[in-house]
Amino acid sequence: FGQRDKIMTAFRDYKPKKSSKSRSRSRSRRSRSSSGSSSGSGDDKSEIKKVLKGIDMDKYYKEMINKDFDTLKKCKDLTHSDLRGVGVALFGQRDKIITAFRDYKPKKSSKSKSKSRSRS
């Protein structure tokens, strides 16, 4: 039992290095900030809320806006690390949010297109 106890104690006392997490977070922040620092428009914020509500994750909307994910472009580039920072703890929820924003295509008004088609 002596060897087994040593191994169990080593695993119980193991704590991952914090420096690796801070490096990955700073990397993702740098990539986001270089993509543009324009403030989100009201349209983007309503679209973000619509996407989150569509997958029943709108409880994270306020925190996402507070963490500067206020444009669709930023939301399309979300990572699991970003969403952990927002407070989304479960992998399945993070994956659902990332997929929803990645696949989201805003609807554009087709009034001008339909008028030009009907004349021909």
PDB file of N, CA and C in Angstrom:
ATOM      1  N   PHE A   1       0.804  -1.210   0.000  1.00  0.00           N
ATOM      2  CA  PHE A   1       0.000   0.000   0.000  1.00  0.00           C
ATOM      3  C   PHE A   1       0.844   1.270   0.000  1.00  0.00           C
ATOM      4  N   GLY A   2       2.101   1.199   0.304  1.00  0.00           N
ATOM      5  CA  GLY A   2       2.967   2.371   0.390  1.00  0.00           C
ATOM      6  C   GLY A   2       3.071   3.118  -0.934  1.00  0.00           C
ATOM      7  N   GLN A   3       3.335   2.411  -2.011  1.00  0.00           N
ATOM      8  CA  GLN A   3       3.463   3.029  -3.339  1.00  0.00           C
ATOM      9  C   GLN A   3       2.122   3.630  -3.785  1.00  0.00           C
ATOM     10  N   ARG A   4       1.048   2.900  -3.553  1.00  0.00           N
ATOM     11  CA  ARG A   4      -0.284   3.370  -3.937  1.00  0.00           C
ATOM     12  C   ARG A   4      -0.637   4.651  -3.186  1.00  0.00           C
ATOM     13  N   ASP A   5      -0.324   4.722  -1.913  1.00  0.00           N
ATOM     14  CA  ASP A   5      -0.602   5.922  -1.123  1.00  0.00           C
ATOM     15  C   ASP A   5       0.171   7.127  -1.639  1.00  0.00           C
ATOM     16  N   LYS A   6       1.416   6.918  -2.043  1.00  0.00           N
ATOM     17  CA  LYS A   6       2.216   8.015  -2.592  1.00  0.00           C
ATOM     18  C   LYS A   6       1.579   8.559  -3.860  1.00  0.00           C
ATOM     19  N   ILE A   7       1.110   7.666  -4.735  1.00  0.00           N
ATOM     20  CA  ILE A   7       0.499   8.081  -5.997  1.00  0.00           C
ATOM     21  C   ILE A   7      -0.810   8.822  -5.735  1.00  0.00           C
ATOM     22  N   MET A   8      -1.620   8.295  -4.855  1.00  0.00           N
ATOM     23  CA  MET A   8      -2.901   8.933  -4.545  1.00  0.00           C
ATOM     24  C   MET A   8      -2.689  10.319  -3.937  1.00  0.00           C
ATOM     25  N   THR A   9      -1.698  10.452  -3.087  1.00  0.00           N
ATOM     26  CA  THR A   9      -1.390  11.749  -2.486  1.00  0.00           C
ATOM     27  C   THR A   9      -0.925  12.734  -3.550  1.00  0.00           C
ATOM     28  N   ALA A  10      -0.121  12.274  -4.483  1.00  0.00           N
ATOM     29  CA  ALA A  10       0.363  13.144  -5.553  1.00  0.00           C
ATOM     30  C   ALA A  10      -0.792  13.653  -6.400  1.00  0.00           C
ATOM     31  N   PHE A  11      -1.735  12.793  -6.746  1.00  0.00           N
ATOM     32  CA  PHE A  11      -2.882  13.220  -7.543  1.00  0.00           C
ATOM     33  C   PHE A  11      -3.796  14.152  -6.760  1.00  0.00           C
ATOM     34  N   ARG A  12      -3.992  13.868  -5.497  1.00  0.00           N
ATOM     35  CA  ARG A  12      -4.869  14.694  -4.675  1.00  0.00           C
ATOM     36  C   ARG A  12      -4.292  16.104  -4.519  1.00  0.00           C
ATOM     37  N   ASP A  13      -2.981  16.221  -4.395  1.00  0.00           N
ATOM     38  CA  ASP A  13      -2.338  17.516  -4.180  1.00  0.00           C
ATOM     39  C   ASP A  13      -2.031  18.268  -5.465  1.00  0.00           C
ATOM     40  N   TYR A  14      -2.266  17.646  -6.611  1.00  0.00           N
ATOM     41  CA  TYR A  14      -1.937  18.274  -7.898  1.00  0.00           C
ATOM     42  C   TYR A  14      -2.849  19.467  -8.176  1.00  0.00           C
ATOM     43  N   LYS A  15      -2.239  20.563  -8.556  1.00  0.00           N
ATOM     44  CA  LYS A  15      -2.984  21.752  -8.971  1.00  0.00           C
ATOM     45  C   LYS A  15      -2.360  22.240 -10.279  1.00  0.00           C
ATOM     46  N   PRO A  16      -3.187  22.450 -11.324  1.00  0.00           N
ATOM     47  CA  PRO A  16      -2.633  22.901 -12.604  1.00  0.00           C
ATOM     48  C   PRO A  16      -2.032  24.291 -12.490  1.00  0.00           C
ATOM     49  N   LYS A  17      -1.076  24.564 -13.346  1.00  0.00           N
ATOM     50  CA  LYS A  17      -0.433  25.871 -13.339  1.00  0.00           C
ATOM     51  C   LYS A  17      -1.414  26.929 -13.816  1.00  0.00           C
ATOM     52  N   LYS A  18      -1.461  28.036 -13.124  1.00  0.00           N
ATOM     53  CA  LYS A  18      -2.368  29.118 -13.494  1.00  0.00           C
ATOM     54  C   LYS A  18      -1.822  29.936 -14.659  1.00  0.00           C
ATOM     55  N   SER A  19      -0.536  29.957 -14.859  1.00  0.00           N
ATOM     56  CA  SER A  19       0.058  30.793 -15.906  1.00  0.00           C
ATOM     57  C   SER A  19      -0.390  30.370 -17.298  1.00  0.00           C
ATOM     58  N   SER A  20      -0.622  29.083 -17.535  1.00  0.00           N
ATOM     59  CA  SER A  20      -1.040  28.646 -18.862  1.00  0.00           C
ATOM     60  C   SER A  20      -2.430  29.154 -19.202  1.00  0.00           C
ATOM     61  N   LYS A  21      -3.325  29.236 -18.197  1.00  0.00           N
ATOM     62  CA  LYS A  21      -4.660  29.763 -18.453  1.00  0.00           C
ATOM     63  C   LYS A  21      -4.603  31.241 -18.784  1.00  0.00           C
ATOM     64  N   SER A  22      -3.807  31.996 -18.057  1.00  0.00           N
ATOM     65  CA  SER A  22      -3.758  33.428 -18.306  1.00  0.00           C
ATOM     66  C   SER A  22      -3.154  33.725 -19.670  1.00  0.00           C
ATOM     67  N   ARG A  23      -2.216  32.898 -20.118  1.00  0.00           N
ATOM     68  CA  ARG A  23      -1.649  33.098 -21.455  1.00  0.00           C
ATOM     69  C   ARG A  23      -2.690  32.878 -22.535  1.00  0.00           C
ATOM     70  N   SER A  24      -3.477  31.818 -22.416  1.00  0.00           N
ATOM     71  CA  SER A  24      -4.473  31.541 -23.448  1.00  0.00           C
ATOM     72  C   SER A  24      -5.556  32.620 -23.466  1.00  0.00           C
ATOM     73  N   ARG A  25      -5.927  33.134 -22.302  1.00  0.00           N
ATOM     74  CA  ARG A  25      -6.919  34.200 -22.268  1.00  0.00           C
ATOM     75  C   ARG A  25      -6.379  35.467 -22.893  1.00  0.00           C
ATOM     76  N   SER A  26      -5.129  35.806 -22.619  1.00  0.00           N
ATOM     77  CA  SER A  26      -4.583  37.029 -23.192  1.00  0.00           C
ATOM     78  C   SER A  26      -4.458  36.908 -24.704  1.00  0.00           C
ATOM     79  N   ARG A  27      -4.163  35.704 -25.186  1.00  0.00           N
ATOM     80  CA  ARG A  27      -4.094  35.498 -26.626  1.00  0.00           C
ATOM     81  C   ARG A  27      -5.446  35.731 -27.279  1.00  0.00           C
ATOM     82  N   SER A  28      -6.508  35.199 -26.680  1.00  0.00           N
ATOM     83  CA  SER A  28      -7.831  35.374 -27.268  1.00  0.00           C
ATOM     84  C   SER A  28      -8.281  36.829 -27.177  1.00  0.00           C
ATOM     85  N   ARG A  29      -7.901  37.523 -26.124  1.00  0.00           N
ATOM     86  CA  ARG A  29      -8.247  38.939 -26.027  1.00  0.00           C
ATOM     87  C   ARG A  29      -7.542  39.741 -27.095  1.00  0.00           C
ATOM     88  N   ARG A  30      -6.273  39.427 -27.342  1.00  0.00           N
ATOM     89  CA  ARG A  30      -5.535  40.150 -28.379  1.00  0.00           C
ATOM     90  C   ARG A  30      -6.179  39.957 -29.733  1.00  0.00           C
ATOM     91  N   SER A  31      -6.563  38.750 -30.061  1.00  0.00           N
ATOM     92  CA  SER A  31      -7.147  38.493 -31.369  1.00  0.00           C
ATOM     93  C   SER A  31      -8.487  39.205 -31.518  1.00  0.00           C
ATOM     94  N   ARG A  32      -9.263  39.297 -30.437  1.00  0.00           N
ATOM     95  CA  ARG A  32     -10.532  40.006 -30.497  1.00  0.00           C
ATOM     96  C   ARG A  32     -10.317  41.495 -30.674  1.00  0.00           C
ATOM     97  N   SER A  33      -9.383  42.060 -29.913  1.00  0.00           N
ATOM     98  CA  SER A  33      -9.199  43.498 -29.971  1.00  0.00           C
ATOM     99  C   SER A  33      -8.626  43.934 -31.312  1.00  0.00           C
ATOM    100  N   SER A  34      -7.860  43.088 -31.957  1.00  0.00           N
ATOM    101  CA  SER A  34      -7.307  43.466 -33.253  1.00  0.00           C
ATOM    102  C   SER A  34      -8.353  43.392 -34.351  1.00  0.00           C
ATOM    103  N   SER A  35      -9.458  42.678 -34.119  1.00  0.00           N
ATOM    104  CA  SER A  35     -10.484  42.552 -35.140  1.00  0.00           C
ATOM    105  C   SER A  35     -11.362  43.796 -35.229  1.00  0.00           C
ATOM    106  N   GLY A  36     -11.197  44.722 -34.328  1.00  0.00           N
ATOM    107  CA  GLY A  36     -11.960  45.965 -34.389  1.00  0.00           C
ATOM    108  C   GLY A  36     -12.513  46.302 -33.025  1.00  0.00           C
ATOM    109  N   SER A  37     -12.508  47.587 -32.707  1.00  0.00           N
ATOM    110  CA  SER A  37     -12.975  47.974 -31.385  1.00  0.00           C
ATOM    111  C   SER A  37     -14.180  48.884 -31.487  1.00  0.00           C
ATOM    112  N   SER A  38     -14.936  48.760 -32.564  1.00  0.00           N
ATOM    113  CA  SER A  38     -16.113  49.595 -32.698  1.00  0.00           C
ATOM    114  C   SER A  38     -17.182  49.115 -31.730  1.00  0.00           C
ATOM    115  N   SER A  39     -17.922  50.059 -31.195  1.00  0.00           N
ATOM    116  CA  SER A  39     -18.960  49.669 -30.248  1.00  0.00           C
ATOM    117  C   SER A  39     -20.113  49.035 -30.998  1.00  0.00           C
ATOM    118  N   GLY A  40     -20.806  48.143 -30.321  1.00  0.00           N
ATOM    119  CA  GLY A  40     -21.889  47.414 -30.959  1.00  0.00           C
ATOM    120  C   GLY A  40     -23.090  48.306 -31.200  1.00  0.00           C
ATOM    121  N   SER A  41     -23.725  48.123 -32.334  1.00  0.00           N
ATOM    122  CA  SER A  41     -24.912  48.891 -32.635  1.00  0.00           C
ATOM    123  C   SER A  41     -26.099  48.260 -31.944  1.00  0.00           C
ATOM    124  N   GLY A  42     -27.165  49.003 -31.839  1.00  0.00           N
ATOM    125  CA  GLY A  42     -28.377  48.475 -31.244  1.00  0.00           C
ATOM    126  C   GLY A  42     -28.903  47.280 -32.011  1.00  0.00           C
ATOM    127  N   ASP A  43     -28.740  47.310 -33.349  1.00  0.00           N
ATOM    128  CA  ASP A  43     -29.183  46.189 -34.173  1.00  0.00           C
ATOM    129  C   ASP A  43     -28.421  44.924 -33.817  1.00  0.00           C
ATOM    130  N   ASP A  44     -27.094  45.047 -33.665  1.00  0.00           N
ATOM    131  CA  ASP A  44     -26.288  43.881 -33.310  1.00  0.00           C
ATOM    132  C   ASP A  44     -26.722  43.324 -31.955  1.00  0.00           C
ATOM    133  N   LYS A  45     -26.952  44.195 -31.014  1.00  0.00           N
ATOM    134  CA  LYS A  45     -27.343  43.729 -29.680  1.00  0.00           C
ATOM    135  C   LYS A  45     -28.681  43.009 -29.715  1.00  0.00           C
ATOM    136  N   SER A  46     -29.617  43.519 -30.507  1.00  0.00           N
ATOM    137  CA  SER A  46     -30.908  42.839 -30.592  1.00  0.00           C
ATOM    138  C   SER A  46     -30.772  41.506 -31.324  1.00  0.00           C
ATOM    139  N   GLU A  47     -29.876  41.445 -32.305  1.00  0.00           N
ATOM    140  CA  GLU A  47     -29.633  40.188 -33.016  1.00  0.00           C
ATOM    141  C   GLU A  47     -28.977  39.166 -32.083  1.00  0.00           C
ATOM    142  N   ILE A  48     -28.040  39.632 -31.259  1.00  0.00           N
ATOM    143  CA  ILE A  48     -27.373  38.745 -30.293  1.00  0.00           C
ATOM    144  C   ILE A  48     -28.415  38.177 -29.327  1.00  0.00           C
ATOM    145  N   LYS A  49     -29.281  39.045 -28.833  1.00  0.00           N
ATOM    146  CA  LYS A  49     -30.332  38.594 -27.911  1.00  0.00           C
ATOM    147  C   LYS A  49     -31.244  37.578 -28.606  1.00  0.00           C
ATOM    148  N   LYS A  50     -31.560  37.836 -29.885  1.00  0.00           N
ATOM    149  CA  LYS A  50     -32.435  36.931 -30.637  1.00  0.00           C
ATOM    150  C   LYS A  50     -31.797  35.549 -30.792  1.00  0.00           C
ATOM    151  N   VAL A  51     -30.492  35.523 -31.104  1.00  0.00           N
ATOM    152  CA  VAL A  51     -29.791  34.242 -31.258  1.00  0.00           C
ATOM    153  C   VAL A  51     -29.798  33.476 -29.942  1.00  0.00           C
ATOM    154  N   LEU A  52     -29.460  34.159 -28.856  1.00  0.00           N
ATOM    155  CA  LEU A  52     -29.419  33.500 -27.548  1.00  0.00           C
ATOM    156  C   LEU A  52     -30.807  33.035 -27.112  1.00  0.00           C
ATOM    157  N   LYS A  53     -31.812  33.838 -27.383  1.00  0.00           N
ATOM    158  CA  LYS A  53     -33.174  33.450 -27.014  1.00  0.00           C
ATOM    159  C   LYS A  53     -33.626  32.239 -27.828  1.00  0.00           C
ATOM    160  N   GLY A  54     -33.204  32.159 -29.077  1.00  0.00           N
ATOM    161  CA  GLY A  54     -33.575  31.046 -29.944  1.00  0.00           C
ATOM    162  C   GLY A  54     -33.049  29.702 -29.452  1.00  0.00           C
ATOM    163  N   ILE A  55     -31.964  29.716 -28.694  1.00  0.00           N
ATOM    164  CA  ILE A  55     -31.413  28.463 -28.149  1.00  0.00           C
ATOM    165  C   ILE A  55     -31.600  28.390 -26.635  1.00  0.00           C
ATOM    166  N   ASP A  56     -32.465  29.260 -26.118  1.00  0.00           N
ATOM    167  CA  ASP A  56     -32.812  29.286 -24.699  1.00  0.00           C
ATOM    168  C   ASP A  56     -31.587  29.542 -23.813  1.00  0.00           C
ATOM    169  N   MET A  57     -30.728  30.465 -24.251  1.00  0.00           N
ATOM    170  CA  MET A  57     -29.534  30.830 -23.476  1.00  0.00           C
ATOM    171  C   MET A  57     -29.495  32.342 -23.237  1.00  0.00           C
ATOM    172  N   ASP A  58     -30.647  33.001 -23.314  1.00  0.00           N
ATOM    173  CA  ASP A  58     -30.669  34.454 -23.177  1.00  0.00           C
ATOM    174  C   ASP A  58     -30.307  34.934 -21.775  1.00  0.00           C
ATOM    175  N   LYS A  59     -30.194  34.013 -20.823  1.00  0.00           N
ATOM    176  CA  LYS A  59     -29.772  34.423 -19.476  1.00  0.00           C
ATOM    177  C   LYS A  59     -28.319  34.912 -19.472  1.00  0.00           C
ATOM    178  N   TYR A  60     -27.559  34.589 -20.509  1.00  0.00           N
ATOM    179  CA  TYR A  60     -26.161  35.023 -20.600  1.00  0.00           C
ATOM    180  C   TYR A  60     -25.994  36.330 -21.379  1.00  0.00           C
ATOM    181  N   TYR A  61     -27.079  36.892 -21.870  1.00  0.00           N
ATOM    182  CA  TYR A  61     -26.998  38.085 -22.721  1.00  0.00           C
ATOM    183  C   TYR A  61     -26.311  39.261 -22.020  1.00  0.00           C
ATOM    184  N   LYS A  62     -26.767  39.623 -20.827  1.00  0.00           N
ATOM    185  CA  LYS A  62     -26.213  40.794 -20.133  1.00  0.00           C
ATOM    186  C   LYS A  62     -24.722  40.627 -19.861  1.00  0.00           C
ATOM    187  N   GLU A  63     -24.333  39.444 -19.442  1.00  0.00           N
ATOM    188  CA  GLU A  63     -22.923  39.226 -19.121  1.00  0.00           C
ATOM    189  C   GLU A  63     -22.065  39.269 -20.387  1.00  0.00           C
ATOM    190  N   MET A  64     -22.596  38.776 -21.514  1.00  0.00           N
ATOM    191  CA  MET A  64     -21.849  38.840 -22.771  1.00  0.00           C
ATOM    192  C   MET A  64     -21.635  40.292 -23.188  1.00  0.00           C
ATOM    193  N   ILE A  65     -22.654  41.112 -23.063  1.00  0.00           N
ATOM    194  CA  ILE A  65     -22.529  42.529 -23.411  1.00  0.00           C
ATOM    195  C   ILE A  65     -21.533  43.204 -22.462  1.00  0.00           C
ATOM    196  N   ASN A  66     -21.599  42.876 -21.178  1.00  0.00           N
ATOM    197  CA  ASN A  66     -20.660  43.445 -20.198  1.00  0.00           C
ATOM    198  C   ASN A  66     -19.218  43.045 -20.492  1.00  0.00           C
ATOM    199  N   LYS A  67     -19.020  41.845 -21.038  1.00  0.00           N
ATOM    200  CA  LYS A  67     -17.668  41.362 -21.349  1.00  0.00           C
ATOM    201  C   LYS A  67     -17.233  41.778 -22.760  1.00  0.00           C
ATOM    202  N   ASP A  68     -17.945  42.736 -23.360  1.00  0.00           N
ATOM    203  CA  ASP A  68     -17.575  43.336 -24.641  1.00  0.00           C
ATOM    204  C   ASP A  68     -17.831  42.425 -25.848  1.00  0.00           C
ATOM    205  N   PHE A  69     -18.753  41.498 -25.739  1.00  0.00           N
ATOM    206  CA  PHE A  69     -19.191  40.723 -26.900  1.00  0.00           C
ATOM    207  C   PHE A  69     -20.490  41.347 -27.381  1.00  0.00           C
ATOM    208  N   ASP A  70     -20.352  42.558 -27.956  1.00  0.00           N
ATOM    209  CA  ASP A  70     -21.530  43.342 -28.299  1.00  0.00           C
ATOM    210  C   ASP A  70     -21.752  43.503 -29.796  1.00  0.00           C
ATOM    211  N   THR A  71     -20.979  42.783 -30.612  1.00  0.00           N
ATOM    212  CA  THR A  71     -21.210  42.787 -32.054  1.00  0.00           C
ATOM    213  C   THR A  71     -21.329  41.347 -32.538  1.00  0.00           C
ATOM    214  N   LEU A  72     -22.016  41.174 -33.646  1.00  0.00           N
ATOM    215  CA  LEU A  72     -22.148  39.824 -34.209  1.00  0.00           C
ATOM    216  C   LEU A  72     -20.791  39.275 -34.626  1.00  0.00           C
ATOM    217  N   LYS A  73     -19.920  40.148 -35.115  1.00  0.00           N
ATOM    218  CA  LYS A  73     -18.585  39.695 -35.533  1.00  0.00           C
ATOM    219  C   LYS A  73     -17.832  39.092 -34.348  1.00  0.00           C
ATOM    220  N   LYS A  74     -17.865  39.761 -33.210  1.00  0.00           N
ATOM    221  CA  LYS A  74     -17.199  39.229 -32.015  1.00  0.00           C
ATOM    222  C   LYS A  74     -17.846  37.929 -31.556  1.00  0.00           C
ATOM    223  N   CYS A  75     -19.167  37.866 -31.642  1.00  0.00           N
ATOM    224  CA  CYS A  75     -19.875  36.661 -31.189  1.00  0.00           C
ATOM    225  C   CYS A  75     -19.599  35.481 -32.113  1.00  0.00           C
ATOM    226  N   LYS A  76     -19.382  35.738 -33.390  1.00  0.00           N
ATOM    227  CA  LYS A  76     -19.063  34.645 -34.319  1.00  0.00           C
ATOM    228  C   LYS A  76     -17.675  34.072 -34.042  1.00  0.00           C
ATOM    229  N   ASP A  77     -16.815  34.848 -33.383  1.00  0.00           N
ATOM    230  CA  ASP A  77     -15.449  34.409 -33.065  1.00  0.00           C
ATOM    231  C   ASP A  77     -15.309  33.904 -31.630  1.00  0.00           C
ATOM    232  N   LEU A  78     -16.412  33.648 -30.948  1.00  0.00           N
ATOM    233  CA  LEU A  78     -16.361  33.179 -29.558  1.00  0.00           C
ATOM    234  C   LEU A  78     -15.636  31.845 -29.443  1.00  0.00           C
ATOM    235  N   THR A  79     -14.924  31.693 -28.340  1.00  0.00           N
ATOM    236  CA  THR A  79     -14.263  30.421 -28.036  1.00  0.00           C
ATOM    237  C   THR A  79     -14.818  29.888 -26.717  1.00  0.00           C
ATOM    238  N   HIS A  80     -14.503  28.652 -26.424  1.00  0.00           N
ATOM    239  CA  HIS A  80     -14.927  28.067 -25.150  1.00  0.00           C
ATOM    240  C   HIS A  80     -14.334  28.859 -23.986  1.00  0.00           C
ATOM    241  N   SER A  81     -13.102  29.304 -24.137  1.00  0.00           N
ATOM    242  CA  SER A  81     -12.454  30.087 -23.089  1.00  0.00           C
ATOM    243  C   SER A  81     -13.200  31.401 -22.843  1.00  0.00           C
ATOM    244  N   ASP A  82     -13.617  32.057 -23.936  1.00  0.00           N
ATOM    245  CA  ASP A  82     -14.385  33.302 -23.806  1.00  0.00           C
ATOM    246  C   ASP A  82     -15.673  33.063 -23.031  1.00  0.00           C
ATOM    247  N   LEU A  83     -16.364  31.993 -23.383  1.00  0.00           N
ATOM    248  CA  LEU A  83     -17.656  31.719 -22.749  1.00  0.00           C
ATOM    249  C   LEU A  83     -17.502  31.277 -21.296  1.00  0.00           C
ATOM    250  N   ARG A  84     -16.382  30.622 -20.970  1.00  0.00           N
ATOM    251  CA  ARG A  84     -16.128  30.316 -19.571  1.00  0.00           C
ATOM    252  C   ARG A  84     -15.986  31.614 -18.785  1.00  0.00           C
ATOM    253  N   GLY A  85     -15.347  32.609 -19.389  1.00  0.00           N
ATOM    254  CA  GLY A  85     -15.197  33.917 -18.752  1.00  0.00           C
ATOM    255  C   GLY A  85     -16.525  34.636 -18.564  1.00  0.00           C
ATOM    256  N   VAL A  86     -17.470  34.359 -19.445  1.00  0.00           N
ATOM    257  CA  VAL A  86     -18.800  34.948 -19.344  1.00  0.00           C
ATOM    258  C   VAL A  86     -19.595  34.261 -18.236  1.00  0.00           C
ATOM    259  N   GLY A  87     -19.237  33.016 -17.930  1.00  0.00           N
ATOM    260  CA  GLY A  87     -19.932  32.288 -16.877  1.00  0.00           C
ATOM    261  C   GLY A  87     -20.688  31.067 -17.358  1.00  0.00           C
ATOM    262  N   VAL A  88     -20.461  30.672 -18.615  1.00  0.00           N
ATOM    263  CA  VAL A  88     -21.111  29.476 -19.151  1.00  0.00           C
ATOM    264  C   VAL A  88     -20.222  28.289 -18.786  1.00  0.00           C
ATOM    265  N   ALA A  89     -20.607  27.552 -17.764  1.00  0.00           N
ATOM    266  CA  ALA A  89     -19.751  26.503 -17.220  1.00  0.00           C
ATOM    267  C   ALA A  89     -19.811  25.193 -17.996  1.00  0.00           C
ATOM    268  N   LEU A  90     -20.973  24.850 -18.514  1.00  0.00           N
ATOM    269  CA  LEU A  90     -21.146  23.543 -19.143  1.00  0.00           C
ATOM    270  C   LEU A  90     -20.692  23.535 -20.603  1.00  0.00           C
ATOM    271  N   PHE A  91     -19.945  22.501 -20.967  1.00  0.00           N
ATOM    272  CA  PHE A  91     -19.418  22.373 -22.321  1.00  0.00           C
ATOM    273  C   PHE A  91     -20.549  22.378 -23.352  1.00  0.00           C
ATOM    274  N   GLY A  92     -21.599  21.634 -23.098  1.00  0.00           N
ATOM    275  CA  GLY A  92     -22.709  21.535 -24.049  1.00  0.00           C
ATOM    276  C   GLY A  92     -23.350  22.884 -24.324  1.00  0.00           C
ATOM    277  N   GLN A  93     -23.487  23.708 -23.290  1.00  0.00           N
ATOM    278  CA  GLN A  93     -24.059  25.045 -23.469  1.00  0.00           C
ATOM    279  C   GLN A  93     -23.123  25.936 -24.271  1.00  0.00           C
ATOM    280  N   ARG A  94     -21.826  25.867 -23.952  1.00  0.00           N
ATOM    281  CA  ARG A  94     -20.851  26.667 -24.710  1.00  0.00           C
ATOM    282  C   ARG A  94     -20.861  26.265 -26.176  1.00  0.00           C
ATOM    283  N   ASP A  95     -20.889  24.962 -26.427  1.00  0.00           N
ATOM    284  CA  ASP A  95     -20.879  24.461 -27.796  1.00  0.00           C
ATOM    285  C   ASP A  95     -22.140  24.907 -28.541  1.00  0.00           C
ATOM    286  N   LYS A  96     -23.266  24.892 -27.874  1.00  0.00           N
ATOM    287  CA  LYS A  96     -24.534  25.309 -28.467  1.00  0.00           C
ATOM    288  C   LYS A  96     -24.482  26.788 -28.860  1.00  0.00           C
ATOM    289  N   ILE A  97     -23.920  27.621 -27.983  1.00  0.00           N
ATOM    290  CA  ILE A  97     -23.821  29.060 -28.253  1.00  0.00           C
ATOM    291  C   ILE A  97     -22.869  29.313 -29.414  1.00  0.00           C
ATOM    292  N   ILE A  98     -21.709  28.673 -29.400  1.00  0.00           N
ATOM    293  CA  ILE A  98     -20.723  28.860 -30.467  1.00  0.00           C
ATOM    294  C   ILE A  98     -21.328  28.450 -31.806  1.00  0.00           C
ATOM    295  N   THR A  99     -21.995  27.308 -31.841  1.00  0.00           N
ATOM    296  CA  THR A  99     -22.601  26.824 -33.084  1.00  0.00           C
ATOM    297  C   THR A  99     -23.711  27.757 -33.554  1.00  0.00           C
ATOM    298  N   ALA A 100     -24.526  28.248 -32.635  1.00  0.00           N
ATOM    299  CA  ALA A 100     -25.626  29.142 -33.005  1.00  0.00           C
ATOM    300  C   ALA A 100     -25.109  30.416 -33.657  1.00  0.00           C
ATOM    301  N   PHE A 101     -24.069  31.014 -33.093  1.00  0.00           N
ATOM    302  CA  PHE A 101     -23.523  32.240 -33.680  1.00  0.00           C
ATOM    303  C   PHE A 101     -22.778  31.954 -34.981  1.00  0.00           C
ATOM    304  N   ARG A 102     -22.085  30.836 -35.039  1.00  0.00           N
ATOM    305  CA  ARG A 102     -21.354  30.495 -36.262  1.00  0.00           C
ATOM    306  C   ARG A 102     -22.319  30.289 -37.434  1.00  0.00           C
ATOM    307  N   ASP A 103     -23.454  29.652 -37.167  1.00  0.00           N
ATOM    308  CA  ASP A 103     -24.412  29.336 -38.224  1.00  0.00           C
ATOM    309  C   ASP A 103     -25.418  30.457 -38.486  1.00  0.00           C
ATOM    310  N   TYR A 104     -25.444  31.483 -37.647  1.00  0.00           N
ATOM    311  CA  TYR A 104     -26.443  32.551 -37.772  1.00  0.00           C
ATOM    312  C   TYR A 104     -26.160  33.418 -38.983  1.00  0.00           C
ATOM    313  N   LYS A 105     -27.200  33.628 -39.773  1.00  0.00           N
ATOM    314  CA  LYS A 105     -27.122  34.536 -40.915  1.00  0.00           C
ATOM    315  C   LYS A 105     -28.273  35.529 -40.778  1.00  0.00           C
ATOM    316  N   PRO A 106     -27.941  36.810 -40.569  1.00  0.00           N
ATOM    317  CA  PRO A 106     -29.013  37.797 -40.384  1.00  0.00           C
ATOM    318  C   PRO A 106     -29.866  37.912 -41.648  1.00  0.00           C
ATOM    319  N   LYS A 107     -31.155  38.067 -41.445  1.00  0.00           N
ATOM    320  CA  LYS A 107     -32.063  38.215 -42.582  1.00  0.00           C
ATOM    321  C   LYS A 107     -31.992  39.638 -43.079  1.00  0.00           C
ATOM    322  N   LYS A 108     -31.791  39.770 -44.384  1.00  0.00           N
ATOM    323  CA  LYS A 108     -31.735  41.101 -44.991  1.00  0.00           C
ATOM    324  C   LYS A 108     -33.077  41.371 -45.645  1.00  0.00           C
ATOM    325  N   SER A 109     -33.455  42.635 -45.673  1.00  0.00           N
ATOM    326  CA  SER A 109     -34.739  42.973 -46.288  1.00  0.00           C
ATOM    327  C   SER A 109     -34.683  42.681 -47.783  1.00  0.00           C
ATOM    328  N   SER A 110     -35.687  42.020 -48.286  1.00  0.00           N
ATOM    329  CA  SER A 110     -35.710  41.628 -49.695  1.00  0.00           C
ATOM    330  C   SER A 110     -36.759  42.409 -50.468  1.00  0.00           C
ATOM    331  N   LYS A 111     -37.195  43.534 -49.929  1.00  0.00           N
ATOM    332  CA  LYS A 111     -38.223  44.332 -50.601  1.00  0.00           C
ATOM    333  C   LYS A 111     -37.726  44.866 -51.937  1.00  0.00           C
ATOM    334  N   SER A 112     -36.515  45.390 -51.968  1.00  0.00           N
ATOM    335  CA  SER A 112     -35.993  45.946 -53.211  1.00  0.00           C
ATOM    336  C   SER A 112     -35.781  44.857 -54.256  1.00  0.00           C
ATOM    337  N   LYS A 113     -35.367  43.677 -53.837  1.00  0.00           N
ATOM    338  CA  LYS A 113     -35.147  42.572 -54.765  1.00  0.00           C
ATOM    339  C   LYS A 113     -36.474  42.089 -55.349  1.00  0.00           C
ATOM    340  N   SER A 114     -37.498  41.961 -54.512  1.00  0.00           N
ATOM    341  CA  SER A 114     -38.770  41.442 -54.992  1.00  0.00           C
ATOM    342  C   SER A 114     -39.433  42.425 -55.960  1.00  0.00           C
ATOM    343  N   LYS A 115     -39.253  43.721 -55.743  1.00  0.00           N
ATOM    344  CA  LYS A 115     -39.823  44.711 -56.674  1.00  0.00           C
ATOM    345  C   LYS A 115     -39.133  44.632 -58.030  1.00  0.00           C
ATOM    346  N   SER A 116     -37.819  44.488 -58.044  1.00  0.00           N
ATOM    347  CA  SER A 116     -37.111  44.456 -59.313  1.00  0.00           C
ATOM    348  C   SER A 116     -37.420  43.170 -60.075  1.00  0.00           C
ATOM    349  N   ARG A 117     -37.680  42.091 -59.369  1.00  0.00           N
ATOM    350  CA  ARG A 117     -37.991  40.823 -60.022  1.00  0.00           C
ATOM    351  C   ARG A 117     -39.380  40.839 -60.633  1.00  0.00           C
ATOM    352  N   SER A 118     -40.325  41.497 -59.974  1.00  0.00           N
ATOM    353  CA  SER A 118     -41.694  41.488 -60.463  1.00  0.00           C
ATOM    354  C   SER A 118     -41.865  42.338 -61.719  1.00  0.00           C
ATOM    355  N   ARG A 119     -40.998  43.306 -61.948  1.00  0.00           N
ATOM    356  CA  ARG A 119     -41.076  44.155 -63.133  1.00  0.00           C
ATOM    357  C   ARG A 119     -40.630  43.400 -64.383  1.00  0.00           C
ATOM    358  N   SER A 120     -39.738  42.462 -64.254  1.00  0.00           N
ATOM    359  CA  SER A 120     -39.176  41.780 -65.422  1.00  0.00           C
ATOM    360  C   SER A 120     -40.140  40.861 -66.090  1.00  0.00           C
TER     361      SER A 120
END
